[in-house]
């Protein structure tokens, strides 16, 4: 898997109508479920080592996402952390009300 933000491509999913679509979408991303066809096309999710602990969309459009690393996983390496960050950011950017994105804790996706 190339270590380029551009290598993170969209997949289409439907979620049930809810009052928390950003949270629901992020949690779906973190499940890391891909179809057989997507596997054949080379998709390989990397964000499934995280748990979403908080979502806060401010009135100014700043989205604050807080995560923790799941037990049994570790973070590290600029390639992996860059891809995880790209998956999260690209997923959040699909919501028109999101203007900026903050991922907490700040050190989580550092190389």
PDB file of N, CA and C in Angstrom:
ATOM      1  N   UNK A   1       0.852  -1.175   0.000  1.00  0.00           N
ATOM      2  CA  UNK A   1       0.000   0.000   0.000  1.00  0.00           C
ATOM      3  C   UNK A   1       0.900   1.241   0.000  1.00  0.00           C
ATOM      4  N   UNK A   2       0.734   2.089  -0.995  1.00  0.00           N
ATOM      5  CA  UNK A   2       1.538   3.304  -1.039  1.00  0.00           C
ATOM      6  C   UNK A   2       1.244   4.211   0.160  1.00  0.00           C
ATOM      7  N   UNK A   3       2.271   4.898   0.603  1.00  0.00           N
ATOM      8  CA  UNK A   3       2.125   5.795   1.757  1.00  0.00           C
ATOM      9  C   UNK A   3       1.734   7.191   1.311  1.00  0.00           C
ATOM     10  N   UNK A   4       0.738   7.297   0.490  1.00  0.00           N
ATOM     11  CA  UNK A   4       0.294   8.582  -0.011  1.00  0.00           C
ATOM     12  C   UNK A   4      -1.151   8.823   0.369  1.00  0.00           C
ATOM     13  N   UNK A   5      -1.440  10.034   0.786  1.00  0.00           N
ATOM     14  CA  UNK A   5      -2.820  10.419   1.104  1.00  0.00           C
ATOM     15  C   UNK A   5      -3.734  10.136  -0.085  1.00  0.00           C
ATOM     16  N   UNK A   6      -3.212  10.303  -1.286  1.00  0.00           N
ATOM     17  CA  UNK A   6      -3.987  10.085  -2.499  1.00  0.00           C
ATOM     18  C   UNK A   6      -4.373   8.617  -2.690  1.00  0.00           C
ATOM     19  N   UNK A   7      -3.684   7.707  -1.997  1.00  0.00           N
ATOM     20  CA  UNK A   7      -4.023   6.288  -2.137  1.00  0.00           C
ATOM     21  C   UNK A   7      -5.261   5.906  -1.319  1.00  0.00           C
ATOM     22  N   UNK A   8      -5.737   6.810  -0.476  1.00  0.00           N
ATOM     23  CA  UNK A   8      -6.967   6.577   0.279  1.00  0.00           C
ATOM     24  C   UNK A   8      -8.131   7.031  -0.595  1.00  0.00           C
ATOM     25  N   UNK A   9      -8.878   6.054  -1.081  1.00  0.00           N
ATOM     26  CA  UNK A   9      -9.972   6.317  -2.011  1.00  0.00           C
ATOM     27  C   UNK A   9     -11.320   6.084  -1.343  1.00  0.00           C
ATOM     28  N   UNK A  10     -12.364   6.732  -1.847  1.00  0.00           N
ATOM     29  CA  UNK A  10     -13.688   6.581  -1.228  1.00  0.00           C
ATOM     30  C   UNK A  10     -14.349   5.247  -1.543  1.00  0.00           C
ATOM     31  N   UNK A  11     -15.154   4.795  -0.627  1.00  0.00           N
ATOM     32  CA  UNK A  11     -16.087   3.696  -0.845  1.00  0.00           C
ATOM     33  C   UNK A  11     -17.456   4.214  -0.434  1.00  0.00           C
ATOM     34  N   UNK A  12     -18.477   3.642  -1.009  1.00  0.00           N
ATOM     35  CA  UNK A  12     -19.828   4.118  -0.712  1.00  0.00           C
ATOM     36  C   UNK A  12     -20.496   3.200   0.300  1.00  0.00           C
ATOM     37  N   UNK A  13     -21.077   3.818   1.317  1.00  0.00           N
ATOM     38  CA  UNK A  13     -21.825   3.100   2.349  1.00  0.00           C
ATOM     39  C   UNK A  13     -23.083   3.882   2.656  1.00  0.00           C
ATOM     40  N   UNK A  14     -24.087   3.184   3.142  1.00  0.00           N
ATOM     41  CA  UNK A  14     -25.303   3.843   3.619  1.00  0.00           C
ATOM     42  C   UNK A  14     -25.422   3.592   5.108  1.00  0.00           C
ATOM     43  N   UNK A  15     -25.815   4.638   5.816  1.00  0.00           N
ATOM     44  CA  UNK A  15     -26.079   4.497   7.244  1.00  0.00           C
ATOM     45  C   UNK A  15     -27.539   4.860   7.477  1.00  0.00           C
ATOM     46  N   UNK A  16     -28.129   4.314   8.513  1.00  0.00           N
ATOM     47  CA  UNK A  16     -29.512   4.696   8.823  1.00  0.00           C
ATOM     48  C   UNK A  16     -29.590   6.181   9.190  1.00  0.00           C
ATOM     49  N   UNK A  17     -30.719   6.785   8.895  1.00  0.00           N
ATOM     50  CA  UNK A  17     -30.960   8.175   9.269  1.00  0.00           C
ATOM     51  C   UNK A  17     -30.827   8.295  10.783  1.00  0.00           C
ATOM     52  N   UNK A  18     -30.049   9.285  11.236  1.00  0.00           N
ATOM     53  CA  UNK A  18     -29.860   9.459  12.679  1.00  0.00           C
ATOM     54  C   UNK A  18     -29.561  10.913  12.989  1.00  0.00           C
ATOM     55  N   UNK A  19     -29.510  11.212  14.267  1.00  0.00           N
ATOM     56  CA  UNK A  19     -29.169  12.557  14.733  1.00  0.00           C
ATOM     57  C   UNK A  19     -27.661  12.724  14.869  1.00  0.00           C
ATOM     58  N   UNK A  20     -26.902  11.637  14.675  1.00  0.00           N
ATOM     59  CA  UNK A  20     -25.446  11.686  14.829  1.00  0.00           C
ATOM     60  C   UNK A  20     -24.747  11.079  13.603  1.00  0.00           C
ATOM     61  N   UNK A  21     -24.983  11.625  12.415  1.00  0.00           N
ATOM     62  CA  UNK A  21     -24.412  10.996  11.216  1.00  0.00           C
ATOM     63  C   UNK A  21     -22.889  11.015  11.169  1.00  0.00           C
ATOM     64  N   UNK A  22     -22.257  12.048  11.710  1.00  0.00           N
ATOM     65  CA  UNK A  22     -20.790  12.076  11.696  1.00  0.00           C
ATOM     66  C   UNK A  22     -20.252  10.958  12.580  1.00  0.00           C
ATOM     67  N   UNK A  23     -20.772  10.840  13.782  1.00  0.00           N
ATOM     68  CA  UNK A  23     -20.335   9.763  14.685  1.00  0.00           C
ATOM     69  C   UNK A  23     -20.602   8.396  14.052  1.00  0.00           C
ATOM     70  N   UNK A  24     -21.797   8.210  13.507  1.00  0.00           N
ATOM     71  CA  UNK A  24     -22.151   6.919  12.910  1.00  0.00           C
ATOM     72  C   UNK A  24     -21.230   6.570  11.748  1.00  0.00           C
ATOM     73  N   UNK A  25     -20.898   7.563  10.929  1.00  0.00           N
ATOM     74  CA  UNK A  25     -20.022   7.338   9.787  1.00  0.00           C
ATOM     75  C   UNK A  25     -18.611   7.004  10.249  1.00  0.00           C
ATOM     76  N   UNK A  26     -18.120   7.725  11.245  1.00  0.00           N
ATOM     77  CA  UNK A  26     -16.781   7.449  11.775  1.00  0.00           C
ATOM     78  C   UNK A  26     -16.710   6.046  12.385  1.00  0.00           C
ATOM     79  N   UNK A  27     -17.740   5.681  13.118  1.00  0.00           N
ATOM     80  CA  UNK A  27     -17.739   4.348  13.723  1.00  0.00           C
ATOM     81  C   UNK A  27     -17.780   3.259  12.660  1.00  0.00           C
ATOM     82  N   UNK A  28     -18.488   3.512  11.574  1.00  0.00           N
ATOM     83  CA  UNK A  28     -18.506   2.554  10.467  1.00  0.00           C
ATOM     84  C   UNK A  28     -17.111   2.442   9.845  1.00  0.00           C
ATOM     85  N   UNK A  29     -16.440   3.575   9.661  1.00  0.00           N
ATOM     86  CA  UNK A  29     -15.069   3.557   9.151  1.00  0.00           C
ATOM     87  C   UNK A  29     -14.169   2.713  10.051  1.00  0.00           C
ATOM     88  N   UNK A  30     -14.297   2.903  11.360  1.00  0.00           N
ATOM     89  CA  UNK A  30     -13.414   2.216  12.310  1.00  0.00           C
ATOM     90  C   UNK A  30     -13.668   0.716  12.379  1.00  0.00           C
ATOM     91  N   UNK A  31     -14.830   0.275  11.923  1.00  0.00           N
ATOM     92  CA  UNK A  31     -15.091  -1.164  11.871  1.00  0.00           C
ATOM     93  C   UNK A  31     -14.212  -1.844  10.827  1.00  0.00           C
ATOM     94  N   UNK A  32     -13.818  -1.078   9.817  1.00  0.00           N
ATOM     95  CA  UNK A  32     -12.891  -1.611   8.814  1.00  0.00           C
ATOM     96  C   UNK A  32     -13.476  -2.662   7.907  1.00  0.00           C
ATOM     97  N   UNK A  33     -14.765  -2.691   7.777  1.00  0.00           N
ATOM     98  CA  UNK A  33     -15.403  -3.719   6.948  1.00  0.00           C
ATOM     99  C   UNK A  33     -15.375  -3.311   5.486  1.00  0.00           C
ATOM    100  N   UNK A  34     -14.833  -4.194   4.665  1.00  0.00           N
ATOM    101  CA  UNK A  34     -14.830  -3.957   3.234  1.00  0.00           C
ATOM    102  C   UNK A  34     -15.402  -5.186   2.541  1.00  0.00           C
ATOM    103  N   UNK A  35     -15.906  -4.976   1.350  1.00  0.00           N
ATOM    104  CA  UNK A  35     -16.508  -6.076   0.595  1.00  0.00           C
ATOM    105  C   UNK A  35     -15.419  -6.898  -0.085  1.00  0.00           C
ATOM    106  N   UNK A  36     -15.797  -8.090  -0.549  1.00  0.00           N
ATOM    107  CA  UNK A  36     -14.854  -8.921  -1.290  1.00  0.00           C
ATOM    108  C   UNK A  36     -14.363  -8.201  -2.543  1.00  0.00           C
ATOM    109  N   UNK A  37     -15.269  -7.515  -3.202  1.00  0.00           N
ATOM    110  CA  UNK A  37     -14.900  -6.763  -4.410  1.00  0.00           C
ATOM    111  C   UNK A  37     -13.869  -5.687  -4.074  1.00  0.00           C
ATOM    112  N   UNK A  38     -14.080  -4.975  -2.963  1.00  0.00           N
ATOM    113  CA  UNK A  38     -13.131  -3.937  -2.549  1.00  0.00           C
ATOM    114  C   UNK A  38     -11.768  -4.549  -2.215  1.00  0.00           C
ATOM    115  N   UNK A  39     -11.769  -5.722  -1.588  1.00  0.00           N
ATOM    116  CA  UNK A  39     -10.500  -6.413  -1.305  1.00  0.00           C
ATOM    117  C   UNK A  39      -9.778  -6.720  -2.604  1.00  0.00           C
ATOM    118  N   UNK A  40     -10.519  -7.226  -3.596  1.00  0.00           N
ATOM    119  CA  UNK A  40      -9.925  -7.551  -4.893  1.00  0.00           C
ATOM    120  C   UNK A  40      -9.371  -6.308  -5.580  1.00  0.00           C
ATOM    121  N   UNK A  41      -9.990  -5.167  -5.322  1.00  0.00           N
ATOM    122  CA  UNK A  41      -9.537  -3.908  -5.912  1.00  0.00           C
ATOM    123  C   UNK A  41      -8.377  -3.291  -5.133  1.00  0.00           C
ATOM    124  N   UNK A  42      -7.958  -3.932  -4.035  1.00  0.00           N
ATOM    125  CA  UNK A  42      -6.795  -3.480  -3.292  1.00  0.00           C
ATOM    126  C   UNK A  42      -7.072  -2.641  -2.063  1.00  0.00           C
ATOM    127  N   UNK A  43      -8.339  -2.512  -1.688  1.00  0.00           N
ATOM    128  CA  UNK A  43      -8.651  -1.746  -0.486  1.00  0.00           C
ATOM    129  C   UNK A  43      -8.193  -2.512   0.751  1.00  0.00           C
ATOM    130  N   UNK A  44      -7.650  -1.782   1.697  1.00  0.00           N
ATOM    131  CA  UNK A  44      -7.196  -2.380   2.953  1.00  0.00           C
ATOM    132  C   UNK A  44      -7.314  -1.315   4.043  1.00  0.00           C
ATOM    133  N   UNK A  45      -8.391  -1.367   4.848  1.00  0.00           N
ATOM    134  CA  UNK A  45      -8.590  -0.334   5.868  1.00  0.00           C
ATOM    135  C   UNK A  45      -7.518  -0.406   6.956  1.00  0.00           C
ATOM    136  N   UNK A  46      -7.145   0.763   7.474  1.00  0.00           N
ATOM    137  CA  UNK A  46      -6.132   0.803   8.529  1.00  0.00           C
ATOM    138  C   UNK A  46      -6.627   1.464   9.812  1.00  0.00           C
ATOM    139  N   UNK A  47      -7.783   2.116   9.761  1.00  0.00           N
ATOM    140  CA  UNK A  47      -8.279   2.844  10.937  1.00  0.00           C
ATOM    141  C   UNK A  47      -8.943   1.937  11.960  1.00  0.00           C
ATOM    142  N   UNK A  48      -9.022   0.652  11.680  1.00  0.00           N
ATOM    143  CA  UNK A  48      -9.739  -0.255  12.569  1.00  0.00           C
ATOM    144  C   UNK A  48      -8.981  -0.573  13.851  1.00  0.00           C
ATOM    145  N   UNK A  49      -7.902   0.096  14.108  1.00  0.00           N
ATOM    146  CA  UNK A  49      -7.178  -0.084  15.370  1.00  0.00           C
ATOM    147  C   UNK A  49      -7.528   0.997  16.391  1.00  0.00           C
ATOM    148  N   UNK A  50      -8.480   1.863  16.029  1.00  0.00           N
ATOM    149  CA  UNK A  50      -8.884   2.970  16.897  1.00  0.00           C
ATOM    150  C   UNK A  50     -10.327   2.829  17.363  1.00  0.00           C
ATOM    151  N   UNK A  51     -10.596   3.457  18.504  1.00  0.00           N
ATOM    152  CA  UNK A  51     -11.956   3.572  19.030  1.00  0.00           C
ATOM    153  C   UNK A  51     -12.270   5.055  19.143  1.00  0.00           C
ATOM    154  N   UNK A  52     -13.435   5.434  18.637  1.00  0.00           N
ATOM    155  CA  UNK A  52     -13.894   6.817  18.729  1.00  0.00           C
ATOM    156  C   UNK A  52     -14.457   7.041  20.126  1.00  0.00           C
ATOM    157  N   UNK A  53     -13.942   8.049  20.825  1.00  0.00           N
ATOM    158  CA  UNK A  53     -14.425   8.307  22.181  1.00  0.00           C
ATOM    159  C   UNK A  53     -15.250   9.579  22.283  1.00  0.00           C
ATOM    160  N   UNK A  54     -15.067  10.512  21.332  1.00  0.00           N
ATOM    161  CA  UNK A  54     -15.865  11.740  21.388  1.00  0.00           C
ATOM    162  C   UNK A  54     -15.903  12.410  20.021  1.00  0.00           C
ATOM    163  N   UNK A  55     -17.049  13.015  19.729  1.00  0.00           N
ATOM    164  CA  UNK A  55     -17.254  13.792  18.504  1.00  0.00           C
ATOM    165  C   UNK A  55     -17.887  15.109  18.931  1.00  0.00           C
ATOM    166  N   UNK A  56     -17.290  16.212  18.498  1.00  0.00           N
ATOM    167  CA  UNK A  56     -17.823  17.512  18.872  1.00  0.00           C
ATOM    168  C   UNK A  56     -17.710  18.453  17.676  1.00  0.00           C
ATOM    169  N   UNK A  57     -18.847  18.803  17.088  1.00  0.00           N
ATOM    170  CA  UNK A  57     -18.868  19.748  15.984  1.00  0.00           C
ATOM    171  C   UNK A  57     -19.245  21.115  16.535  1.00  0.00           C
ATOM    172  N   UNK A  58     -18.300  22.044  16.482  1.00  0.00           N
ATOM    173  CA  UNK A  58     -18.521  23.408  16.978  1.00  0.00           C
ATOM    174  C   UNK A  58     -19.325  24.207  15.959  1.00  0.00           C
ATOM    175  N   UNK A  59     -19.940  25.282  16.418  1.00  0.00           N
ATOM    176  CA  UNK A  59     -20.745  26.138  15.538  1.00  0.00           C
ATOM    177  C   UNK A  59     -19.938  26.716  14.381  1.00  0.00           C
ATOM    178  N   UNK A  60     -18.633  26.902  14.579  1.00  0.00           N
ATOM    179  CA  UNK A  60     -17.789  27.468  13.522  1.00  0.00           C
ATOM    180  C   UNK A  60     -17.343  26.425  12.496  1.00  0.00           C
ATOM    181  N   UNK A  61     -17.814  25.180  12.640  1.00  0.00           N
ATOM    182  CA  UNK A  61     -17.472  24.123  11.695  1.00  0.00           C
ATOM    183  C   UNK A  61     -16.241  23.327  12.062  1.00  0.00           C
ATOM    184  N   UNK A  62     -15.647  23.614  13.229  1.00  0.00           N
ATOM    185  CA  UNK A  62     -14.495  22.843  13.682  1.00  0.00           C
ATOM    186  C   UNK A  62     -14.980  21.516  14.271  1.00  0.00           C
ATOM    187  N   UNK A  63     -14.551  20.425  13.656  1.00  0.00           N
ATOM    188  CA  UNK A  63     -14.918  19.088  14.130  1.00  0.00           C
ATOM    189  C   UNK A  63     -13.774  18.540  14.959  1.00  0.00           C
ATOM    190  N   UNK A  64     -14.068  18.200  16.209  1.00  0.00           N
ATOM    191  CA  UNK A  64     -13.067  17.621  17.097  1.00  0.00           C
ATOM    192  C   UNK A  64     -13.409  16.151  17.281  1.00  0.00           C
ATOM    193  N   UNK A  65     -12.479  15.298  16.871  1.00  0.00           N
ATOM    194  CA  UNK A  65     -12.645  13.850  16.981  1.00  0.00           C
ATOM    195  C   UNK A  65     -11.606  13.331  17.964  1.00  0.00           C
ATOM    196  N   UNK A  66     -12.072  12.588  18.957  1.00  0.00           N
ATOM    197  CA  UNK A  66     -11.150  12.040  19.945  1.00  0.00           C
ATOM    198  C   UNK A  66     -11.164  10.522  19.851  1.00  0.00           C
ATOM    199  N   UNK A  67      -9.956   9.945  19.861  1.00  0.00           N
ATOM    200  CA  UNK A  67      -9.799   8.505  19.698  1.00  0.00           C
ATOM    201  C   UNK A  67      -8.928   7.930  20.799  1.00  0.00           C
ATOM    202  N   UNK A  68      -9.007   6.615  20.932  1.00  0.00           N
ATOM    203  CA  UNK A  68      -8.030   5.886  21.731  1.00  0.00           C
ATOM    204  C   UNK A  68      -7.645   4.648  20.937  1.00  0.00           C
ATOM    205  N   UNK A  69      -6.452   4.150  21.198  1.00  0.00           N
ATOM    206  CA  UNK A  69      -5.958   2.963  20.505  1.00  0.00           C
ATOM    207  C   UNK A  69      -6.557   1.735  21.182  1.00  0.00           C
ATOM    208  N   UNK A  70      -7.086   0.828  20.361  1.00  0.00           N
ATOM    209  CA  UNK A  70      -7.672  -0.392  20.905  1.00  0.00           C
ATOM    210  C   UNK A  70      -6.595  -1.275  21.522  1.00  0.00           C
ATOM    211  N   UNK A  71      -6.955  -2.006  22.534  1.00  0.00           N
ATOM    212  CA  UNK A  71      -6.053  -2.934  23.201  1.00  0.00           C
ATOM    213  C   UNK A  71      -5.515  -3.942  22.183  1.00  0.00           C
ATOM    214  N   UNK A  72      -4.235  -4.199  22.261  1.00  0.00           N
ATOM    215  CA  UNK A  72      -3.618  -5.153  21.352  1.00  0.00           C
ATOM    216  C   UNK A  72      -3.007  -4.517  20.115  1.00  0.00           C
ATOM    217  N   UNK A  73      -3.263  -3.228  19.923  1.00  0.00           N
ATOM    218  CA  UNK A  73      -2.698  -2.510  18.778  1.00  0.00           C
ATOM    219  C   UNK A  73      -1.720  -1.461  19.272  1.00  0.00           C
ATOM    220  N   UNK A  74      -0.863  -1.037  18.381  1.00  0.00           N
ATOM    221  CA  UNK A  74       0.009   0.096  18.682  1.00  0.00           C
ATOM    222  C   UNK A  74      -0.008   1.017  17.475  1.00  0.00           C
ATOM    223  N   UNK A  75       0.361   2.239  17.696  1.00  0.00           N
ATOM    224  CA  UNK A  75       0.438   3.215  16.619  1.00  0.00           C
ATOM    225  C   UNK A  75       1.916   3.465  16.367  1.00  0.00           C
ATOM    226  N   UNK A  76       2.212   3.968  15.227  1.00  0.00           N
ATOM    227  CA  UNK A  76       3.589   4.314  14.958  1.00  0.00           C
ATOM    228  C   UNK A  76       3.926   4.149  13.498  1.00  0.00           C
ATOM    229  N   UNK A  77       4.917   4.892  13.112  1.00  0.00           N
ATOM    230  CA  UNK A  77       5.352   4.865  11.729  1.00  0.00           C
ATOM    231  C   UNK A  77       4.621   5.898  10.912  1.00  0.00           C
ATOM    232  N   UNK A  78       5.376   6.673  10.182  1.00  0.00           N
ATOM    233  CA  UNK A  78       4.766   7.766   9.429  1.00  0.00           C
ATOM    234  C   UNK A  78       3.832   7.261   8.342  1.00  0.00           C
ATOM    235  N   UNK A  79       4.124   6.127   7.738  1.00  0.00           N
ATOM    236  CA  UNK A  79       3.256   5.604   6.678  1.00  0.00           C
ATOM    237  C   UNK A  79       1.887   5.240   7.237  1.00  0.00           C
ATOM    238  N   UNK A  80       1.845   4.379   8.224  1.00  0.00           N
ATOM    239  CA  UNK A  80       0.577   3.934   8.802  1.00  0.00           C
ATOM    240  C   UNK A  80      -0.204   5.109   9.387  1.00  0.00           C
ATOM    241  N   UNK A  81       0.445   5.931  10.159  1.00  0.00           N
ATOM    242  CA  UNK A  81      -0.253   7.052  10.789  1.00  0.00           C
ATOM    243  C   UNK A  81      -0.776   8.042   9.753  1.00  0.00           C
ATOM    244  N   UNK A  82      -0.037   8.248   8.686  1.00  0.00           N
ATOM    245  CA  UNK A  82      -0.495   9.123   7.610  1.00  0.00           C
ATOM    246  C   UNK A  82      -1.734   8.577   6.921  1.00  0.00           C
ATOM    247  N   UNK A  83      -1.767   7.277   6.690  1.00  0.00           N
ATOM    248  CA  UNK A  83      -2.930   6.657   6.049  1.00  0.00           C
ATOM    249  C   UNK A  83      -4.151   6.683   6.963  1.00  0.00           C
ATOM    250  N   UNK A  84      -3.948   6.419   8.250  1.00  0.00           N
ATOM    251  CA  UNK A  84      -5.060   6.484   9.198  1.00  0.00           C
ATOM    252  C   UNK A  84      -5.622   7.904   9.244  1.00  0.00           C
ATOM    253  N   UNK A  85      -4.732   8.875   9.325  1.00  0.00           N
ATOM    254  CA  UNK A  85      -5.173  10.267   9.331  1.00  0.00           C
ATOM    255  C   UNK A  85      -5.945  10.620   8.067  1.00  0.00           C
ATOM    256  N   UNK A  86      -5.475  10.148   6.918  1.00  0.00           N
ATOM    257  CA  UNK A  86      -6.155  10.429   5.650  1.00  0.00           C
ATOM    258  C   UNK A  86      -7.542   9.789   5.617  1.00  0.00           C
ATOM    259  N   UNK A  87      -7.659   8.559   6.119  1.00  0.00           N
ATOM    260  CA  UNK A  87      -8.982   7.919   6.158  1.00  0.00           C
ATOM    261  C   UNK A  87      -9.953   8.727   7.013  1.00  0.00           C
ATOM    262  N   UNK A  88      -9.497   9.147   8.171  1.00  0.00           N
ATOM    263  CA  UNK A  88     -10.359   9.900   9.092  1.00  0.00           C
ATOM    264  C   UNK A  88     -10.733  11.255   8.493  1.00  0.00           C
ATOM    265  N   UNK A  89      -9.750  11.969   8.007  1.00  0.00           N
ATOM    266  CA  UNK A  89      -9.998  13.319   7.478  1.00  0.00           C
ATOM    267  C   UNK A  89     -10.897  13.272   6.247  1.00  0.00           C
ATOM    268  N   UNK A  90     -10.601  12.382   5.317  1.00  0.00           N
ATOM    269  CA  UNK A  90     -11.421  12.302   4.108  1.00  0.00           C
ATOM    270  C   UNK A  90     -12.855  11.885   4.432  1.00  0.00           C
ATOM    271  N   UNK A  91     -13.023  11.044   5.421  1.00  0.00           N
ATOM    272  CA  UNK A  91     -14.369  10.639   5.834  1.00  0.00           C
ATOM    273  C   UNK A  91     -15.120  11.833   6.417  1.00  0.00           C
ATOM    274  N   UNK A  92     -14.454  12.604   7.259  1.00  0.00           N
ATOM    275  CA  UNK A  92     -15.097  13.766   7.886  1.00  0.00           C
ATOM    276  C   UNK A  92     -15.398  14.876   6.883  1.00  0.00           C
ATOM    277  N   UNK A  93     -14.555  15.026   5.888  1.00  0.00           N
ATOM    278  CA  UNK A  93     -14.716  16.121   4.930  1.00  0.00           C
ATOM    279  C   UNK A  93     -15.955  15.990   4.050  1.00  0.00           C
ATOM    280  N   UNK A  94     -16.576  14.833   4.029  1.00  0.00           N
ATOM    281  CA  UNK A  94     -17.770  14.680   3.199  1.00  0.00           C
ATOM    282  C   UNK A  94     -18.976  15.428   3.767  1.00  0.00           C
ATOM    283  N   UNK A  95     -18.891  15.862   5.013  1.00  0.00           N
ATOM    284  CA  UNK A  95     -19.993  16.579   5.651  1.00  0.00           C
ATOM    285  C   UNK A  95     -19.803  18.079   5.414  1.00  0.00           C
ATOM    286  N   UNK A  96     -20.766  18.689   4.736  1.00  0.00           N
ATOM    287  CA  UNK A  96     -20.631  20.085   4.327  1.00  0.00           C
ATOM    288  C   UNK A  96     -20.420  21.030   5.498  1.00  0.00           C
ATOM    289  N   UNK A  97     -20.922  20.696   6.677  1.00  0.00           N
ATOM    290  CA  UNK A  97     -20.806  21.589   7.823  1.00  0.00           C
ATOM    291  C   UNK A  97     -19.416  21.562   8.462  1.00  0.00           C
ATOM    292  N   UNK A  98     -18.594  20.590   8.094  1.00  0.00           N
ATOM    293  CA  UNK A  98     -17.245  20.468   8.652  1.00  0.00           C
ATOM    294  C   UNK A  98     -16.292  21.363   7.865  1.00  0.00           C
ATOM    295  N   UNK A  99     -15.679  22.310   8.563  1.00  0.00           N
ATOM    296  CA  UNK A  99     -14.733  23.244   7.941  1.00  0.00           C
ATOM    297  C   UNK A  99     -13.292  22.889   8.280  1.00  0.00           C
ATOM    298  N   UNK A 100     -13.046  22.510   9.525  1.00  0.00           N
ATOM    299  CA  UNK A 100     -11.717  22.094   9.970  1.00  0.00           C
ATOM    300  C   UNK A 100     -11.867  20.848  10.833  1.00  0.00           C
ATOM    301  N   UNK A 101     -10.780  20.094  10.945  1.00  0.00           N
ATOM    302  CA  UNK A 101     -10.822  18.827  11.686  1.00  0.00           C
ATOM    303  C   UNK A 101      -9.639  18.778  12.640  1.00  0.00           C
ATOM    304  N   UNK A 102      -9.936  18.460  13.888  1.00  0.00           N
ATOM    305  CA  UNK A 102      -8.922  18.263  14.914  1.00  0.00           C
ATOM    306  C   UNK A 102      -9.011  16.826  15.385  1.00  0.00           C
ATOM    307  N   UNK A 103      -7.878  16.146  15.436  1.00  0.00           N
ATOM    308  CA  UNK A 103      -7.842  14.764  15.916  1.00  0.00           C
ATOM    309  C   UNK A 103      -7.104  14.759  17.246  1.00  0.00           C
ATOM    310  N   UNK A 104      -7.760  14.213  18.256  1.00  0.00           N
ATOM    311  CA  UNK A 104      -7.183  14.150  19.601  1.00  0.00           C
ATOM    312  C   UNK A 104      -7.021  12.695  20.044  1.00  0.00           C
ATOM    313  N   UNK A 105      -6.075  12.402  20.884  1.00  0.00           N
ATOM    314  CA  UNK A 105      -5.032  13.293  21.360  1.00  0.00           C
ATOM    315  C   UNK A 105      -4.081  13.661  20.207  1.00  0.00           C
ATOM    316  N   UNK A 106      -3.482  14.840  20.304  1.00  0.00           N
ATOM    317  CA  UNK A 106      -2.662  15.384  19.222  1.00  0.00           C
ATOM    318  C   UNK A 106      -1.537  14.454  18.812  1.00  0.00           C
ATOM    319  N   UNK A 107      -0.969  13.749  19.758  1.00  0.00           N
ATOM    320  CA  UNK A 107       0.177  12.890  19.475  1.00  0.00           C
ATOM    321  C   UNK A 107      -0.214  11.589  18.785  1.00  0.00           C
ATOM    322  N   UNK A 108      -1.489  11.270  18.733  1.00  0.00           N
ATOM    323  CA  UNK A 108      -1.931   9.960  18.252  1.00  0.00           C
ATOM    324  C   UNK A 108      -1.392   9.605  16.874  1.00  0.00           C
ATOM    325  N   UNK A 109      -1.430  10.511  15.938  1.00  0.00           N
ATOM    326  CA  UNK A 109      -1.031  10.202  14.564  1.00  0.00           C
ATOM    327  C   UNK A 109       0.344  10.765  14.197  1.00  0.00           C
ATOM    328  N   UNK A 110       1.144  11.076  15.203  1.00  0.00           N
ATOM    329  CA  UNK A 110       2.509  11.538  14.938  1.00  0.00           C
ATOM    330  C   UNK A 110       3.376  10.359  14.547  1.00  0.00           C
ATOM    331  N   UNK A 111       4.334  10.574  13.636  1.00  0.00           N
ATOM    332  CA  UNK A 111       5.234   9.472  13.219  1.00  0.00           C
ATOM    333  C   UNK A 111       6.141   9.011  14.344  1.00  0.00           C
TER     334      UNK A 111
END
